[in-house]
Amino acid sequence: MAQAKISSKASEGAPPQQQQQQQQQPPSAAQLRGRFYRSTSMADRSSRLLENLDQLELRVEAFRDAASAMEQEKETLLEMIHNIQNSQDMRHISEGEREELNLTANRLMGRTLTVEVSVETIRNAQQQESLLHATRMIDEIVNKLLDDLEDAKIRLMSLYGACTSDVPAGPIDQKFQSVVIGCAIEDQKKIKRRLETLLRNLENSEKSITLLEHQKSSLRQPCNTKQD
């Protein structure tokens, strides 16, 4: 305690110029090393955190892709079950067998529907409006399927041609193409998948109608009998 008082008194008794020099002394080497170590440590932590976030971003995208694949698988399963129930083979078996197969198909469809998978797409206002516009254009054609099946197929093919990078087999709906371009990338893929599903269903319907017409025609033809 006595030494501290003496030191304090000595400092107080020093000339003002000496006191100012003591206050303006540069930091010691130990102090500089401490600051450098702290700065390096902060940079390392920041780098490690950024690296972890980069790895997590890859996992998040992989997770979303897996969920989207599950969405597509659910749609595919439901479509396949529906096609089996409405196939021509189902019409050419006994009523008891058909009833039993339909029960199995309904059970599978019910179990498939219990799986809920939803991947939300982040959209801005313009993308949201484009999606609604594209959906309305498709729905308009779907609602008129029964009125003119062939015309609906041609119009759907023109919409599908606007969504694919391949050379289309027919004309392209330029208006629909400009609308789809304004949609989010994930929505563009979903629109294309929906059109593919609709065209497949139309093709299956046409095959069923053709086969049914062929069977009716065969029944209407008179039997030729040979007379001796």
C-alpha atoms as a PDB file:
ATOM      1  CA  MET A   1       0.000   0.000   0.000  1.00  0.00           C
ATOM      2  CA  ALA A   2       2.835   2.381   0.833  1.00  0.00           C
ATOM      3  CA  GLN A   3       4.523   1.659  -2.518  1.00  0.00           C
ATOM      4  CA  ALA A   4       1.290   2.339  -4.398  1.00  0.00           C
ATOM      5  CA  LYS A   5       0.869   5.676  -2.659  1.00  0.00           C
ATOM      6  CA  ILE A   6       4.462   6.648  -3.362  1.00  0.00           C
ATOM      7  CA  SER A   7       4.093   5.709  -7.029  1.00  0.00           C
ATOM      8  CA  SER A   8       0.875   7.685  -7.287  1.00  0.00           C
ATOM      9  CA  LYS A   9       2.461  10.696  -5.627  1.00  0.00           C
ATOM     10  CA  ALA A  10       5.490  10.423  -7.880  1.00  0.00           C
ATOM     11  CA  SER A  11       3.221  10.405 -10.909  1.00  0.00           C
ATOM     12  CA  GLU A  12       1.281  13.353  -9.623  1.00  0.00           C
ATOM     13  CA  GLY A  13       4.462  15.221  -8.966  1.00  0.00           C
ATOM     14  CA  ALA A  14       5.856  14.607 -12.472  1.00  0.00           C
ATOM     15  CA  PRO A  15       5.914  17.471 -14.921  1.00  0.00           C
ATOM     16  CA  PRO A  16       2.873  17.754 -17.272  1.00  0.00           C
ATOM     17  CA  GLN A  17       5.002  16.944 -20.344  1.00  0.00           C
ATOM     18  CA  GLN A  18       6.213  13.685 -18.773  1.00  0.00           C
ATOM     19  CA  GLN A  19       2.654  12.734 -17.764  1.00  0.00           C
ATOM     20  CA  GLN A  20       1.499  13.270 -21.373  1.00  0.00           C
ATOM     21  CA  GLN A  21       4.316  11.062 -22.697  1.00  0.00           C
ATOM     22  CA  GLN A  22       3.360   8.328 -20.240  1.00  0.00           C
ATOM     23  CA  GLN A  23      -0.290   8.480 -21.384  1.00  0.00           C
ATOM     24  CA  GLN A  24       0.673   8.348 -25.111  1.00  0.00           C
ATOM     25  CA  GLN A  25       2.939   5.315 -24.829  1.00  0.00           C
ATOM     26  CA  PRO A  26       2.258   2.796 -27.655  1.00  0.00           C
ATOM     27  CA  PRO A  27       0.795  -0.617 -26.705  1.00  0.00           C
ATOM     28  CA  SER A  28       3.303  -3.195 -25.664  1.00  0.00           C
ATOM     29  CA  ALA A  29       4.207  -6.224 -27.781  1.00  0.00           C
ATOM     30  CA  ALA A  30       2.151  -8.464 -25.500  1.00  0.00           C
ATOM     31  CA  GLN A  31      -0.885  -6.243 -25.980  1.00  0.00           C
ATOM     32  CA  LEU A  32      -0.439  -6.307 -29.766  1.00  0.00           C
ATOM     33  CA  ARG A  33      -0.139 -10.102 -29.774  1.00  0.00           C
ATOM     34  CA  GLY A  34      -3.375 -10.340 -27.761  1.00  0.00           C
ATOM     35  CA  ARG A  35      -5.231  -8.192 -30.240  1.00  0.00           C
ATOM     36  CA  PHE A  36      -3.885 -10.203 -33.191  1.00  0.00           C
ATOM     37  CA  TYR A  37      -4.859 -13.522 -31.624  1.00  0.00           C
ATOM     38  CA  ARG A  38      -8.357 -12.271 -30.909  1.00  0.00           C
ATOM     39  CA  SER A  39      -8.754 -11.033 -34.503  1.00  0.00           C
ATOM     40  CA  THR A  40      -7.512 -14.330 -35.953  1.00  0.00           C
ATOM     41  CA  SER A  41      -9.809 -16.331 -33.713  1.00  0.00           C
ATOM     42  CA  MET A  42     -12.858 -14.314 -34.797  1.00  0.00           C
ATOM     43  CA  ALA A  43     -11.999 -14.811 -38.478  1.00  0.00           C
ATOM     44  CA  ASP A  44     -11.643 -18.567 -37.939  1.00  0.00           C
ATOM     45  CA  ARG A  45     -14.998 -18.766 -36.202  1.00  0.00           C
ATOM     46  CA  SER A  46     -16.674 -16.780 -38.968  1.00  0.00           C
ATOM     47  CA  SER A  47     -15.111 -19.014 -41.612  1.00  0.00           C
ATOM     48  CA  ARG A  48     -16.232 -22.190 -39.821  1.00  0.00           C
ATOM     49  CA  LEU A  49     -19.772 -20.879 -39.403  1.00  0.00           C
ATOM     50  CA  LEU A  50     -19.979 -19.928 -43.064  1.00  0.00           C
ATOM     51  CA  GLU A  51     -18.705 -23.353 -44.088  1.00  0.00           C
ATOM     52  CA  ASN A  52     -21.339 -25.034 -41.892  1.00  0.00           C
ATOM     53  CA  LEU A  53     -24.097 -22.911 -43.429  1.00  0.00           C
ATOM     54  CA  ASP A  54     -22.887 -23.779 -46.943  1.00  0.00           C
ATOM     55  CA  GLN A  55     -23.084 -27.480 -46.087  1.00  0.00           C
ATOM     56  CA  LEU A  56     -26.547 -27.035 -44.584  1.00  0.00           C
ATOM     57  CA  GLU A  57     -27.716 -25.219 -47.700  1.00  0.00           C
ATOM     58  CA  LEU A  58     -26.767 -28.250 -49.799  1.00  0.00           C
ATOM     59  CA  ARG A  59     -28.677 -30.518 -47.425  1.00  0.00           C
ATOM     60  CA  VAL A  60     -31.737 -28.236 -47.485  1.00  0.00           C
ATOM     61  CA  GLU A  61     -31.821 -28.292 -51.297  1.00  0.00           C
ATOM     62  CA  ALA A  62     -31.390 -32.075 -51.297  1.00  0.00           C
ATOM     63  CA  PHE A  63     -34.219 -32.319 -48.768  1.00  0.00           C
ATOM     64  CA  ARG A  64     -36.517 -30.216 -50.958  1.00  0.00           C
ATOM     65  CA  ASP A  65     -35.612 -32.272 -54.024  1.00  0.00           C
ATOM     66  CA  ALA A  66     -36.413 -35.488 -52.141  1.00  0.00           C
ATOM     67  CA  ALA A  67     -39.770 -34.086 -51.020  1.00  0.00           C
ATOM     68  CA  SER A  68     -40.558 -33.000 -54.597  1.00  0.00           C
ATOM     69  CA  ALA A  69     -39.701 -36.491 -55.801  1.00  0.00           C
ATOM     70  CA  MET A  70     -42.130 -37.898 -53.232  1.00  0.00           C
ATOM     71  CA  GLU A  71     -44.825 -35.528 -54.498  1.00  0.00           C
ATOM     72  CA  GLN A  72     -44.286 -36.812 -58.019  1.00  0.00           C
ATOM     73  CA  GLU A  73     -44.296 -40.428 -56.849  1.00  0.00           C
ATOM     74  CA  LYS A  74     -47.629 -39.897 -55.103  1.00  0.00           C
ATOM     75  CA  GLU A  75     -49.133 -38.426 -58.277  1.00  0.00           C
ATOM     76  CA  THR A  76     -47.757 -41.319 -60.327  1.00  0.00           C
ATOM     77  CA  LEU A  77     -49.137 -43.965 -57.961  1.00  0.00           C
ATOM     78  CA  LEU A  78     -52.604 -42.411 -57.945  1.00  0.00           C
ATOM     79  CA  GLU A  79     -52.594 -42.180 -61.718  1.00  0.00           C
ATOM     80  CA  MET A  80     -51.525 -45.820 -62.115  1.00  0.00           C
ATOM     81  CA  ILE A  81     -54.213 -47.058 -59.710  1.00  0.00           C
ATOM     82  CA  HIS A  82     -56.834 -45.003 -61.521  1.00  0.00           C
ATOM     83  CA  ASN A  83     -55.717 -46.371 -64.897  1.00  0.00           C
ATOM     84  CA  ILE A  84     -55.981 -49.951 -63.660  1.00  0.00           C
ATOM     85  CA  GLN A  85     -59.498 -49.361 -62.385  1.00  0.00           C
ATOM     86  CA  ASN A  86     -60.554 -47.938 -65.753  1.00  0.00           C
ATOM     87  CA  SER A  87     -58.623 -50.329 -67.974  1.00  0.00           C
ATOM     88  CA  GLN A  88     -60.204 -52.538 -70.609  1.00  0.00           C
ATOM     89  CA  ASP A  89     -58.901 -55.615 -68.794  1.00  0.00           C
ATOM     90  CA  MET A  90     -61.125 -54.766 -65.837  1.00  0.00           C
ATOM     91  CA  ARG A  91     -64.135 -54.857 -68.149  1.00  0.00           C
ATOM     92  CA  HIS A  92     -63.353 -58.317 -69.448  1.00  0.00           C
ATOM     93  CA  ILE A  93     -63.292 -60.215 -66.174  1.00  0.00           C
ATOM     94  CA  SER A  94     -66.089 -61.555 -64.052  1.00  0.00           C
ATOM     95  CA  GLU A  95     -68.080 -59.219 -61.857  1.00  0.00           C
ATOM     96  CA  GLY A  96     -66.825 -60.911 -58.695  1.00  0.00           C
ATOM     97  CA  GLU A  97     -63.187 -60.606 -59.730  1.00  0.00           C
ATOM     98  CA  ARG A  98     -63.700 -56.973 -60.754  1.00  0.00           C
ATOM     99  CA  GLU A  99     -65.287 -56.149 -57.403  1.00  0.00           C
ATOM    100  CA  GLU A 100     -62.412 -57.772 -55.521  1.00  0.00           C
ATOM    101  CA  LEU A 101     -59.780 -55.944 -57.593  1.00  0.00           C
ATOM    102  CA  ASN A 102     -61.568 -52.627 -57.128  1.00  0.00           C
ATOM    103  CA  LEU A 103     -61.575 -53.147 -53.373  1.00  0.00           C
ATOM    104  CA  THR A 104     -57.805 -53.694 -53.475  1.00  0.00           C
ATOM    105  CA  ALA A 105     -57.293 -50.666 -55.722  1.00  0.00           C
ATOM    106  CA  ASN A 106     -59.404 -48.464 -53.439  1.00  0.00           C
ATOM    107  CA  ARG A 107     -57.446 -49.657 -50.429  1.00  0.00           C
ATOM    108  CA  LEU A 108     -54.150 -48.781 -52.137  1.00  0.00           C
ATOM    109  CA  MET A 109     -55.476 -45.401 -53.201  1.00  0.00           C
ATOM    110  CA  GLY A 110     -56.635 -44.672 -49.665  1.00  0.00           C
ATOM    111  CA  ARG A 111     -53.248 -45.576 -48.216  1.00  0.00           C
ATOM    112  CA  THR A 112     -51.517 -43.409 -50.804  1.00  0.00           C
ATOM    113  CA  LEU A 113     -53.720 -40.444 -49.942  1.00  0.00           C
ATOM    114  CA  THR A 114     -52.757 -40.729 -46.264  1.00  0.00           C
ATOM    115  CA  VAL A 115     -49.255 -39.532 -47.188  1.00  0.00           C
ATOM    116  CA  GLU A 116     -49.160 -35.735 -47.137  1.00  0.00           C
ATOM    117  CA  VAL A 117     -46.177 -34.157 -48.886  1.00  0.00           C
ATOM    118  CA  SER A 118     -46.092 -30.450 -49.610  1.00  0.00           C
ATOM    119  CA  VAL A 119     -43.208 -28.358 -50.908  1.00  0.00           C
ATOM    120  CA  GLU A 120     -44.067 -24.663 -50.838  1.00  0.00           C
ATOM    121  CA  THR A 121     -42.668 -22.558 -53.670  1.00  0.00           C
ATOM    122  CA  ILE A 122     -41.418 -19.083 -52.830  1.00  0.00           C
ATOM    123  CA  ARG A 123     -42.962 -16.628 -55.308  1.00  0.00           C
ATOM    124  CA  ASN A 124     -43.108 -12.898 -55.773  1.00  0.00           C
ATOM    125  CA  ALA A 125     -46.337 -11.150 -56.760  1.00  0.00           C
ATOM    126  CA  GLN A 126     -45.629 -11.381 -60.495  1.00  0.00           C
ATOM    127  CA  GLN A 127     -44.843 -15.100 -60.329  1.00  0.00           C
ATOM    128  CA  GLN A 128     -48.013 -15.733 -58.336  1.00  0.00           C
ATOM    129  CA  GLU A 129     -50.117 -13.935 -60.942  1.00  0.00           C
ATOM    130  CA  SER A 130     -48.413 -15.845 -63.780  1.00  0.00           C
ATOM    131  CA  LEU A 131     -49.137 -19.160 -62.058  1.00  0.00           C
ATOM    132  CA  LEU A 132     -52.822 -18.301 -61.637  1.00  0.00           C
ATOM    133  CA  HIS A 133     -53.037 -17.225 -65.278  1.00  0.00           C
ATOM    134  CA  ALA A 134     -51.414 -20.443 -66.537  1.00  0.00           C
ATOM    135  CA  THR A 135     -53.686 -22.541 -64.322  1.00  0.00           C
ATOM    136  CA  ARG A 136     -56.779 -20.787 -65.658  1.00  0.00           C
ATOM    137  CA  MET A 137     -55.705 -21.423 -69.247  1.00  0.00           C
ATOM    138  CA  ILE A 138     -55.289 -25.156 -68.596  1.00  0.00           C
ATOM    139  CA  ASP A 139     -58.519 -25.424 -66.616  1.00  0.00           C
ATOM    140  CA  GLU A 140     -60.423 -23.757 -69.439  1.00  0.00           C
ATOM    141  CA  ILE A 141     -59.414 -26.552 -71.809  1.00  0.00           C
ATOM    142  CA  VAL A 142     -59.991 -29.312 -69.253  1.00  0.00           C
ATOM    143  CA  ASN A 143     -63.527 -28.094 -68.604  1.00  0.00           C
ATOM    144  CA  LYS A 144     -64.323 -28.538 -72.300  1.00  0.00           C
ATOM    145  CA  LEU A 145     -62.818 -32.008 -72.719  1.00  0.00           C
ATOM    146  CA  LEU A 146     -66.165 -33.736 -73.051  1.00  0.00           C
ATOM    147  CA  ASP A 147     -67.387 -31.243 -75.647  1.00  0.00           C
ATOM    148  CA  ASP A 148     -64.600 -31.933 -78.153  1.00  0.00           C
ATOM    149  CA  LEU A 149     -61.932 -34.449 -77.180  1.00  0.00           C
ATOM    150  CA  GLU A 150     -59.820 -34.027 -80.307  1.00  0.00           C
ATOM    151  CA  ASP A 151     -59.767 -30.224 -80.120  1.00  0.00           C
ATOM    152  CA  ALA A 152     -58.863 -30.365 -76.425  1.00  0.00           C
ATOM    153  CA  LYS A 153     -55.963 -32.690 -77.203  1.00  0.00           C
ATOM    154  CA  ILE A 154     -54.624 -30.356 -79.912  1.00  0.00           C
ATOM    155  CA  ARG A 155     -54.837 -27.344 -77.582  1.00  0.00           C
ATOM    156  CA  LEU A 156     -53.155 -29.195 -74.711  1.00  0.00           C
ATOM    157  CA  MET A 157     -50.342 -30.275 -77.030  1.00  0.00           C
ATOM    158  CA  SER A 158     -49.796 -26.647 -78.035  1.00  0.00           C
ATOM    159  CA  LEU A 159     -49.551 -25.720 -74.348  1.00  0.00           C
ATOM    160  CA  TYR A 160     -47.149 -28.579 -73.689  1.00  0.00           C
ATOM    161  CA  GLY A 161     -45.008 -27.519 -76.644  1.00  0.00           C
ATOM    162  CA  ALA A 162     -44.614 -24.128 -74.961  1.00  0.00           C
ATOM    163  CA  CYS A 163     -43.162 -25.811 -71.852  1.00  0.00           C
ATOM    164  CA  THR A 164     -40.556 -28.099 -73.394  1.00  0.00           C
ATOM    165  CA  SER A 165     -37.137 -27.356 -74.820  1.00  0.00           C
ATOM    166  CA  ASP A 166     -37.536 -30.172 -77.372  1.00  0.00           C
ATOM    167  CA  VAL A 167     -38.688 -29.459 -80.894  1.00  0.00           C
ATOM    168  CA  PRO A 168     -42.503 -29.570 -80.658  1.00  0.00           C
ATOM    169  CA  ALA A 169     -44.494 -31.840 -82.943  1.00  0.00           C
ATOM    170  CA  GLY A 170     -47.080 -29.149 -83.573  1.00  0.00           C
ATOM    171  CA  PRO A 171     -47.821 -25.467 -83.046  1.00  0.00           C
ATOM    172  CA  ILE A 172     -46.881 -23.642 -79.839  1.00  0.00           C
ATOM    173  CA  ASP A 173     -49.200 -21.419 -77.859  1.00  0.00           C
ATOM    174  CA  GLN A 174     -47.045 -18.279 -77.741  1.00  0.00           C
ATOM    175  CA  LYS A 175     -49.290 -16.556 -75.215  1.00  0.00           C
ATOM    176  CA  PHE A 176     -49.102 -19.489 -72.833  1.00  0.00           C
ATOM    177  CA  GLN A 177     -45.329 -19.654 -73.274  1.00  0.00           C
ATOM    178  CA  SER A 178     -44.923 -16.014 -72.212  1.00  0.00           C
ATOM    179  CA  VAL A 179     -47.123 -16.687 -69.163  1.00  0.00           C
ATOM    180  CA  VAL A 180     -45.140 -19.780 -68.136  1.00  0.00           C
ATOM    181  CA  ILE A 181     -41.833 -17.927 -68.455  1.00  0.00           C
ATOM    182  CA  GLY A 182     -43.108 -15.537 -65.778  1.00  0.00           C
ATOM    183  CA  CYS A 183     -43.672 -18.415 -63.325  1.00  0.00           C
ATOM    184  CA  ALA A 184     -41.180 -19.663 -60.753  1.00  0.00           C
ATOM    185  CA  ILE A 185     -38.918 -22.506 -61.936  1.00  0.00           C
ATOM    186  CA  GLU A 186     -40.594 -25.074 -59.681  1.00  0.00           C
ATOM    187  CA  ASP A 187     -44.017 -24.003 -60.927  1.00  0.00           C
ATOM    188  CA  GLN A 188     -42.861 -24.362 -64.526  1.00  0.00           C
ATOM    189  CA  LYS A 189     -41.924 -27.984 -63.826  1.00  0.00           C
ATOM    190  CA  LYS A 190     -45.284 -28.670 -62.158  1.00  0.00           C
ATOM    191  CA  ILE A 191     -47.198 -27.136 -65.061  1.00  0.00           C
ATOM    192  CA  LYS A 192     -45.285 -29.331 -67.501  1.00  0.00           C
ATOM    193  CA  ARG A 193     -45.966 -32.458 -65.401  1.00  0.00           C
ATOM    194  CA  ARG A 194     -49.677 -31.644 -65.237  1.00  0.00           C
ATOM    195  CA  LEU A 195     -49.879 -31.301 -69.017  1.00  0.00           C
ATOM    196  CA  GLU A 196     -48.007 -34.588 -69.468  1.00  0.00           C
ATOM    197  CA  THR A 197     -50.498 -36.326 -67.172  1.00  0.00           C
ATOM    198  CA  LEU A 198     -53.482 -34.845 -69.008  1.00  0.00           C
ATOM    199  CA  LEU A 199     -52.122 -35.908 -72.391  1.00  0.00           C
ATOM    200  CA  ARG A 200     -51.448 -39.447 -71.140  1.00  0.00           C
ATOM    201  CA  ASN A 201     -54.980 -39.704 -69.792  1.00  0.00           C
ATOM    202  CA  LEU A 202     -56.369 -38.430 -73.093  1.00  0.00           C
ATOM    203  CA  GLU A 203     -54.348 -40.976 -75.009  1.00  0.00           C
ATOM    204  CA  ASN A 204     -55.607 -43.783 -72.777  1.00  0.00           C
ATOM    205  CA  SER A 205     -59.168 -42.516 -73.199  1.00  0.00           C
ATOM    206  CA  GLU A 206     -58.794 -42.486 -76.969  1.00  0.00           C
ATOM    207  CA  LYS A 207     -57.498 -46.054 -76.918  1.00  0.00           C
ATOM    208  CA  SER A 208     -60.436 -47.129 -74.798  1.00  0.00           C
ATOM    209  CA  ILE A 209     -62.908 -45.371 -77.088  1.00  0.00           C
ATOM    210  CA  THR A 210     -61.277 -46.855 -80.201  1.00  0.00           C
ATOM    211  CA  LEU A 211     -61.340 -50.356 -78.742  1.00  0.00           C
ATOM    212  CA  LEU A 212     -64.946 -49.955 -77.667  1.00  0.00           C
ATOM    213  CA  GLU A 213     -65.953 -48.720 -81.119  1.00  0.00           C
ATOM    214  CA  HIS A 214     -64.120 -51.625 -82.717  1.00  0.00           C
ATOM    215  CA  GLN A 215     -65.973 -54.079 -80.496  1.00  0.00           C
ATOM    216  CA  LYS A 216     -69.324 -52.463 -81.345  1.00  0.00           C
ATOM    217  CA  SER A 217     -68.478 -52.609 -85.031  1.00  0.00           C
ATOM    218  CA  SER A 218     -67.622 -56.293 -84.761  1.00  0.00           C
ATOM    219  CA  LEU A 219     -70.933 -56.997 -83.074  1.00  0.00           C
ATOM    220  CA  ARG A 220     -72.853 -55.144 -85.782  1.00  0.00           C
ATOM    221  CA  GLN A 221     -71.259 -57.082 -88.643  1.00  0.00           C
ATOM    222  CA  PRO A 222     -73.558 -59.881 -89.964  1.00  0.00           C
ATOM    223  CA  CYS A 223     -72.288 -63.415 -89.842  1.00  0.00           C
ATOM    224  CA  ASN A 224     -71.603 -64.925 -93.251  1.00  0.00           C
ATOM    225  CA  THR A 225     -72.819 -68.493 -93.613  1.00  0.00           C
ATOM    226  CA  LYS A 226     -71.851 -70.883 -96.326  1.00  0.00           C
ATOM    227  CA  GLN A 227     -74.600 -72.619 -98.174  1.00  0.00           C
ATOM    228  CA  ASP A 228     -73.953 -75.745-100.142  1.00  0.00           C
END
